Amino acid sequence: MEQHHFDIINHATPRLESMDKALSRGKYTDDLELPNMAYAALVRCPYSHAKVLSIDVSEAEKVPGFLGCALPEEAPQAYFNCSGNPPSPLLMAESGLRRRSRKRMPRRRRRPPAPPPRQ
């Protein structure tokens, strides 16, 4: 049987970018600037499970250089998870696990306290 020799397993691997990052010389995607680059801001509803009835973009349109606003009705109605796969039908069910009401068990009647013993 042939025996393999592994040089990398169970050894620390030096990271080449570590020194630059520690000295604030590292390059990050936020540092990248390209010609005609546009920026986006995501605005979320501050209330969980709220139904948004309308979105007013008039203030955003006043900002110099405003290019547009992506609204929910303009987005494709296909759902994908972070790995690019369609999510499980169980998670997308309209009733949803978090919205399902829990059936409560009826409370047991408490027995009245026993009368004190007679003397």
Protein backbone atom coordinates (compact mmCIF):
# COMPACT_ATOMS: atom_id res chain seq x y z
CA MET A 1 0.00 0.00 0.00
CA GLU A 2 1.30 3.41 -0.99
CA GLN A 3 1.74 5.91 1.82
CA HIS A 4 0.93 9.58 1.11
CA HIS A 5 2.74 12.49 2.65
CA PHE A 6 0.67 15.60 3.32
CA ASP A 7 2.50 18.90 3.88
CA ILE A 8 -0.49 21.20 4.29
CA ILE A 9 -2.85 19.31 6.58
CA ASN A 10 -2.56 20.20 10.28
CA HIS A 11 -0.26 23.16 9.59
CA ALA A 12 -0.94 26.88 9.71
CA THR A 13 -1.25 28.43 6.28
CA PRO A 14 0.05 32.00 6.11
CA ARG A 15 -2.49 34.49 4.76
CA LEU A 16 -0.81 36.91 2.40
CA GLU A 17 -3.31 39.74 2.90
CA SER A 18 -3.23 39.73 6.71
CA MET A 19 -0.44 42.30 7.13
CA ASP A 20 -2.06 44.77 4.70
CA LYS A 21 -5.40 44.47 6.51
CA ALA A 22 -3.78 44.92 9.93
CA LEU A 23 -2.02 48.09 8.72
CA SER A 24 -5.19 49.48 7.03
CA ARG A 25 -3.67 49.07 3.59
CA GLY A 26 -6.03 46.26 2.59
CA LYS A 27 -8.30 46.61 -0.43
CA TYR A 28 -12.01 45.92 0.11
CA THR A 29 -14.92 46.05 -2.32
CA ASP A 30 -16.18 49.20 -0.56
CA ASP A 31 -12.91 50.90 -1.55
CA LEU A 32 -13.46 50.16 -5.24
CA GLU A 33 -14.35 53.15 -7.43
CA LEU A 34 -15.20 52.82 -11.10
CA PRO A 35 -16.19 55.47 -13.63
CA ASN A 36 -19.96 56.24 -13.69
CA MET A 37 -20.48 54.06 -10.61
CA ALA A 38 -23.89 54.22 -8.98
CA TYR A 39 -24.77 53.58 -5.34
CA ALA A 40 -27.90 52.06 -3.88
CA ALA A 41 -29.64 52.36 -0.54
CA LEU A 42 -32.03 49.76 0.78
CA VAL A 43 -34.95 51.09 2.81
CA ARG A 44 -36.89 48.58 4.85
CA CYS A 45 -40.12 48.90 6.75
CA PRO A 46 -39.42 49.57 10.45
CA TYR A 47 -42.36 47.40 11.51
CA SER A 48 -42.13 43.62 11.31
CA HIS A 49 -44.96 41.81 9.48
CA ALA A 50 -46.53 45.12 8.42
CA LYS A 51 -48.34 45.38 5.12
CA VAL A 52 -46.90 48.31 3.15
CA LEU A 53 -49.77 50.05 1.36
CA SER A 54 -47.77 52.65 -0.57
CA ILE A 55 -44.23 53.95 -1.07
CA ASP A 56 -43.56 57.67 -1.53
CA VAL A 57 -40.37 58.24 -3.57
CA SER A 58 -40.77 62.02 -3.97
CA GLU A 59 -38.00 62.84 -1.43
CA ALA A 60 -35.59 60.41 -3.11
CA GLU A 61 -36.25 62.00 -6.51
CA LYS A 62 -35.05 65.37 -5.15
CA VAL A 63 -31.54 64.01 -4.43
CA PRO A 64 -29.02 65.20 -7.07
CA GLY A 65 -27.99 62.33 -9.35
CA PHE A 66 -31.06 60.20 -8.52
CA LEU A 67 -31.27 57.39 -11.09
CA GLY A 68 -34.36 55.49 -10.06
CA CYS A 69 -36.14 53.46 -7.45
CA ALA A 70 -36.77 49.71 -7.57
CA LEU A 71 -40.25 49.07 -6.23
CA PRO A 72 -41.73 45.69 -5.26
CA GLU A 73 -44.21 45.65 -8.15
CA GLU A 74 -41.30 45.98 -10.61
CA ALA A 75 -39.40 43.01 -9.16
CA PRO A 76 -39.87 39.51 -10.56
CA GLN A 77 -42.17 37.41 -8.41
CA ALA A 78 -39.72 34.50 -8.24
CA TYR A 79 -38.20 33.71 -4.87
CA PHE A 80 -34.71 32.27 -4.41
CA ASN A 81 -32.64 31.64 -1.32
CA CYS A 82 -29.05 32.80 -0.87
CA SER A 83 -27.66 29.75 -2.68
CA GLY A 84 -29.73 30.53 -5.79
CA ASN A 85 -32.17 27.66 -5.33
CA PRO A 86 -35.91 28.03 -5.05
CA PRO A 87 -36.94 27.80 -1.39
CA SER A 88 -38.82 24.90 0.10
CA PRO A 89 -42.61 25.08 -0.44
CA LEU A 90 -43.00 24.55 3.31
CA LEU A 91 -41.22 27.84 4.01
CA MET A 92 -43.18 29.74 1.37
CA ALA A 93 -46.63 28.52 2.40
CA GLU A 94 -49.09 31.35 2.86
CA SER A 95 -50.06 30.17 6.31
CA GLY A 96 -46.40 30.03 7.39
CA LEU A 97 -45.21 28.42 10.58
CA ARG A 98 -44.95 31.72 12.44
CA ARG A 99 -48.52 32.74 11.63
CA ARG A 100 -50.16 29.49 12.61
CA SER A 101 -52.15 29.96 15.76
CA ARG A 102 -51.35 27.64 18.60
CA LYS A 103 -54.22 25.77 20.09
CA ARG A 104 -54.26 26.28 23.80
CA MET A 105 -54.95 23.47 26.15
CA PRO A 106 -57.90 24.13 28.44
CA ARG A 107 -56.81 25.16 31.90
CA ARG A 108 -57.30 22.70 34.69
CA ARG A 109 -59.59 23.89 37.38
CA ARG A 110 -57.81 24.41 40.59
CA ARG A 111 -59.15 22.63 43.59
CA PRO A 112 -60.34 24.89 46.34
CA PRO A 113 -58.03 24.84 49.33
CA ALA A 114 -58.84 22.15 51.84
CA PRO A 115 -60.65 23.38 54.91
CA PRO A 116 -58.58 23.51 58.07
CA PRO A 117 -58.82 20.35 60.19
CA ARG A 118 -61.42 20.37 62.95
CA GLN A 119 -60.23 20.20 66.49
